[in-house]
Amino acid sequence: MRTALRYKLILLAFFLCSSFQDAPNRNVQYSGKNPVVRPVKHSNGNIELNGILFDAKAAELRFPAEYIVGSEHNKEYLITSSDALIHESLFYTKIQAFHLQFMLIVLGADNTIPREQKGRRGSIIDIEVEYTANKKKVRRNIEAWLNAEEKPMKRTGFYFLGSRIHNKFFQAQGSGKICSLWHQDDAILDIIHPKNDAGDLFSLNKKNIAMHKFSKVNIILSLRKE
């Protein structure tokens, strides 16, 4: 009973936090029904929700994805769940954006924290990619996959912006914008960069990455302590 109540309270906080969003900066408004949230709690404290795992001991979220290297030189999305955005993305996942937002609340993230840059808010999330190379697991920060203005990008982190809601429907669920490389209020995660109002800052860092197209990876999210 206590576990069920806890989830209900998290879900309530989830909607309240997401209600304080900026006015839309895109013309597209998605409509639909948010997927059901039915997390499963394990005896070790881990929580699973439709492919997303909260590792209680490590204080991390993880979910499967594919390294896709979209055809566009400039990358506007780092992680997407939309087939329509694959050409300008680096990682594709089949998880539900709505579920990821819920699990970020479980992780302890807060998307109401104000930031100095206009329109930016939220806890800072660090993202790493785990993959297998020479039969060994390797973890690297996700920024290593990118060039910023044609130079290798250093680790910066991502704001938990949180998806805008339209007619009670989470817009990230409709758009598939898990992690955007330019500021859009219907994305869940927003890259931290002083110029990220532009959509042509980032490209693939080919020198750093020794992976093949469509490689299976795990995306790992953690809450940065500030």
Protein backbone atom coordinates (compact mmCIF):
# COMPACT_ATOMS: atom_id res chain seq x y z
CA MET A 1 0.00 0.00 0.00
CA ARG A 2 2.82 2.41 0.91
CA THR A 3 4.58 1.70 -2.38
CA ALA A 4 1.41 2.38 -4.36
CA LEU A 5 0.86 5.64 -2.45
CA ARG A 6 4.46 6.69 -3.11
CA TYR A 7 4.00 6.20 -6.84
CA LYS A 8 0.76 8.19 -6.78
CA LEU A 9 2.53 11.05 -5.01
CA ILE A 10 5.39 10.93 -7.52
CA LEU A 11 2.90 10.98 -10.37
CA LEU A 12 1.16 14.00 -8.83
CA ALA A 13 4.50 15.80 -8.48
CA PHE A 14 5.28 14.75 -12.03
CA PHE A 15 2.26 16.61 -13.40
CA LEU A 16 2.65 19.62 -11.10
CA CYS A 17 6.30 20.10 -12.04
CA SER A 18 5.49 19.82 -15.72
CA SER A 19 2.68 22.36 -15.56
CA PHE A 20 5.10 25.27 -15.12
CA GLN A 21 6.27 25.39 -18.72
CA ASP A 22 7.12 28.27 -21.02
CA ALA A 23 4.74 29.24 -23.79
CA PRO A 24 5.31 26.97 -26.81
CA ASN A 25 8.18 27.94 -29.08
CA ARG A 26 7.12 25.55 -31.83
CA ASN A 27 3.93 25.60 -33.87
CA VAL A 28 3.35 21.85 -33.71
CA GLN A 29 1.00 20.71 -30.97
CA TYR A 30 0.67 16.98 -30.46
CA SER A 31 -2.48 15.29 -29.22
CA GLY A 32 -2.93 11.83 -27.81
CA LYS A 33 -3.11 9.77 -24.65
CA ASN A 34 -0.20 9.38 -22.26
CA PRO A 35 0.84 5.76 -21.66
CA VAL A 36 -0.09 4.07 -18.40
CA VAL A 37 2.54 4.26 -15.63
CA ARG A 38 2.91 0.89 -13.91
CA PRO A 39 6.36 0.64 -12.36
CA VAL A 40 7.63 -2.63 -10.93
CA LYS A 41 9.67 -2.50 -7.73
CA HIS A 42 12.16 -5.30 -7.05
CA SER A 43 13.30 -6.58 -3.65
CA ASN A 44 16.72 -4.92 -4.09
CA GLY A 45 15.07 -1.51 -4.41
CA ASN A 46 15.41 -1.27 -8.19
CA ILE A 47 12.42 -0.01 -10.14
CA GLU A 48 11.54 -0.87 -13.75
CA LEU A 49 9.13 0.87 -16.06
CA ASN A 50 8.71 -0.37 -19.62
CA GLY A 51 12.41 -0.76 -20.45
CA ILE A 52 13.76 1.91 -18.09
CA LEU A 53 15.62 0.69 -14.99
CA PHE A 54 16.25 2.71 -11.87
CA ASP A 55 19.34 1.23 -10.21
CA ALA A 56 18.82 2.20 -6.57
CA LYS A 57 22.36 1.35 -5.45
CA ALA A 58 24.08 3.26 -8.25
CA ALA A 59 21.40 6.02 -8.27
CA GLU A 60 21.16 5.78 -12.07
CA LEU A 61 18.58 5.32 -14.78
CA ARG A 62 19.41 3.16 -17.76
CA PHE A 63 17.62 2.21 -20.94
CA PRO A 64 18.56 0.54 -24.26
CA ALA A 65 19.20 2.50 -27.44
CA GLU A 66 20.83 2.23 -30.84
CA TYR A 67 23.69 4.33 -32.16
CA ILE A 68 22.30 5.40 -35.54
CA VAL A 69 24.40 8.28 -36.95
CA GLY A 70 21.66 10.13 -38.83
CA SER A 71 22.46 11.35 -42.34
CA GLU A 72 22.45 15.08 -41.52
CA HIS A 73 25.86 16.60 -40.76
CA ASN A 74 24.50 18.87 -38.03
CA LYS A 75 22.80 17.08 -35.18
CA GLU A 76 19.73 18.64 -33.62
CA TYR A 77 18.76 15.72 -31.37
CA LEU A 78 21.02 13.55 -29.30
CA ILE A 79 18.40 10.96 -28.33
CA THR A 80 15.04 10.43 -29.99
CA SER A 81 12.19 7.94 -29.97
CA SER A 82 10.79 9.27 -33.26
CA ASP A 83 11.47 7.68 -36.65
CA ALA A 84 10.95 11.14 -38.18
CA LEU A 85 13.98 12.57 -36.33
CA ILE A 86 16.47 9.77 -36.96
CA HIS A 87 18.23 11.64 -39.80
CA GLU A 88 19.33 14.41 -37.40
CA SER A 89 19.94 12.32 -34.28
CA LEU A 90 22.66 10.10 -32.83
CA PHE A 91 20.75 7.66 -30.64
CA TYR A 92 17.35 6.04 -31.14
CA THR A 93 15.36 4.39 -28.37
CA LYS A 94 12.01 2.64 -28.14
CA ILE A 95 11.25 3.77 -24.60
CA GLN A 96 8.31 6.10 -23.94
CA ALA A 97 9.26 9.73 -23.28
CA PHE A 98 6.41 10.00 -20.76
CA HIS A 99 7.87 7.09 -18.79
CA LEU A 100 11.35 8.60 -18.80
CA GLN A 101 10.02 11.84 -17.36
CA PHE A 102 8.35 9.88 -14.56
CA MET A 103 11.55 7.95 -13.85
CA LEU A 104 13.60 11.15 -13.70
CA ILE A 105 11.31 12.28 -10.89
CA VAL A 106 11.97 8.91 -9.20
CA LEU A 107 15.70 9.59 -9.61
CA GLY A 108 15.21 12.84 -7.71
CA ALA A 109 15.36 15.31 -10.60
CA ASP A 110 13.38 18.56 -10.42
CA ASN A 111 12.42 20.52 -13.53
CA THR A 112 11.36 23.68 -11.67
CA ILE A 113 14.85 24.84 -10.63
CA PRO A 114 15.44 28.23 -12.32
CA ARG A 115 18.63 28.82 -14.31
CA GLU A 116 20.33 32.04 -15.35
CA GLN A 117 19.82 31.49 -19.07
CA LYS A 118 16.32 32.56 -20.14
CA GLY A 119 13.86 29.69 -20.46
CA ARG A 120 16.23 27.15 -18.95
CA ARG A 121 15.40 25.21 -15.82
CA GLY A 122 15.81 21.93 -14.07
CA SER A 123 18.30 19.67 -12.35
CA ILE A 124 21.53 18.89 -14.20
CA ILE A 125 21.60 15.37 -15.60
CA ASP A 126 24.80 13.63 -16.66
CA ILE A 127 24.47 11.13 -19.50
CA GLU A 128 26.82 8.28 -20.33
CA VAL A 129 26.81 5.64 -23.03
CA GLU A 130 27.68 2.03 -22.23
CA TYR A 131 28.69 -0.28 -25.07
CA THR A 132 30.77 -3.40 -25.68
CA ALA A 133 34.20 -3.14 -27.31
CA ASN A 134 36.58 -6.10 -27.54
CA LYS A 135 34.21 -8.06 -25.29
CA LYS A 136 34.51 -5.44 -22.56
CA LYS A 137 31.95 -2.93 -21.39
CA VAL A 138 32.95 0.68 -21.92
CA ARG A 139 31.28 3.80 -20.50
CA ARG A 140 31.87 7.26 -21.91
CA ASN A 141 30.11 10.54 -21.38
CA ILE A 142 27.70 11.20 -24.21
CA GLU A 143 29.27 14.55 -25.10
CA ALA A 144 32.31 12.62 -26.41
CA TRP A 145 30.19 11.75 -29.45
CA LEU A 146 29.88 15.42 -30.39
CA ASN A 147 31.74 18.33 -31.85
CA ALA A 148 30.51 21.74 -30.71
CA GLU A 149 31.16 24.31 -33.42
CA GLU A 150 33.57 21.83 -35.04
CA LYS A 151 35.63 21.29 -31.88
CA PRO A 152 35.47 18.23 -29.57
CA MET A 153 32.88 18.89 -26.93
CA LYS A 154 33.67 18.83 -23.24
CA ARG A 155 31.28 17.43 -20.67
CA THR A 156 28.60 19.96 -19.78
CA GLY A 157 25.50 18.03 -18.74
CA PHE A 158 21.84 18.53 -19.58
CA TYR A 159 19.01 20.41 -17.93
CA PHE A 160 15.92 18.42 -16.99
CA LEU A 161 13.70 20.88 -18.82
CA GLY A 162 10.69 18.57 -18.73
CA SER A 163 8.13 18.23 -21.47
CA ARG A 164 5.51 20.89 -22.16
CA ILE A 165 1.89 19.73 -21.81
CA HIS A 166 -0.87 20.47 -24.32
CA ASN A 167 -4.40 19.24 -23.59
CA LYS A 168 -2.97 17.03 -20.82
CA PHE A 169 -0.70 15.30 -23.34
CA PHE A 170 3.06 15.38 -22.84
CA GLN A 171 4.50 16.87 -25.99
CA ALA A 172 7.74 14.89 -25.78
CA GLN A 173 5.62 11.75 -26.00
CA GLY A 174 4.29 13.00 -29.33
CA SER A 175 7.49 14.50 -30.70
CA GLY A 176 9.94 11.86 -29.50
CA LYS A 177 12.39 14.53 -28.31
CA ILE A 178 14.19 12.79 -25.47
CA CYS A 179 17.31 14.96 -25.53
CA SER A 180 17.56 18.02 -27.74
CA LEU A 181 20.72 19.77 -28.93
CA TRP A 182 18.91 23.07 -29.24
CA HIS A 183 16.40 24.62 -26.90
CA GLN A 184 12.84 23.37 -27.46
CA ASP A 185 10.21 23.33 -24.76
CA ASP A 186 8.74 19.98 -25.80
CA ALA A 187 11.99 18.12 -25.09
CA ILE A 188 12.73 16.34 -21.81
CA LEU A 189 16.46 17.09 -21.67
CA ASP A 190 18.08 20.29 -22.89
CA ILE A 191 21.81 20.52 -23.58
CA ILE A 192 23.67 23.11 -21.50
CA HIS A 193 25.30 25.52 -23.92
CA PRO A 194 25.20 29.35 -24.07
CA LYS A 195 24.28 29.30 -27.78
CA ASN A 196 21.81 26.42 -27.83
CA ASP A 197 19.03 28.54 -29.31
CA ALA A 198 20.68 27.73 -32.65
CA GLY A 199 20.09 24.38 -34.34
CA ASP A 200 23.42 23.95 -36.13
CA LEU A 201 26.06 23.93 -33.39
CA PHE A 202 26.69 20.21 -33.06
CA SER A 203 28.01 17.47 -35.30
CA LEU A 204 29.41 13.96 -34.96
CA ASN A 205 32.92 13.71 -33.49
CA LYS A 206 34.22 11.00 -35.80
CA LYS A 207 37.75 11.01 -34.34
CA ASN A 208 36.63 9.93 -30.88
CA ILE A 209 34.15 7.21 -31.66
CA ALA A 210 35.04 3.63 -32.54
CA MET A 211 31.54 2.23 -32.93
CA HIS A 212 29.55 0.87 -35.83
CA LYS A 213 26.24 2.02 -37.20
CA PHE A 214 23.23 0.55 -35.37
CA SER A 215 25.35 -0.60 -32.41
CA LYS A 216 23.37 -1.56 -29.34
CA VAL A 217 24.09 0.63 -26.33
CA ASN A 218 22.72 1.52 -22.93
CA ILE A 219 22.04 5.15 -22.08
CA ILE A 220 22.75 5.92 -18.41
CA LEU A 221 21.43 9.01 -16.62
CA SER A 222 22.51 10.28 -13.22
CA LEU A 223 21.66 13.34 -11.17
CA ARG A 224 24.57 15.73 -10.75
CA LYS A 225 25.14 16.98 -7.23
CA GLU A 226 25.30 20.77 -7.12
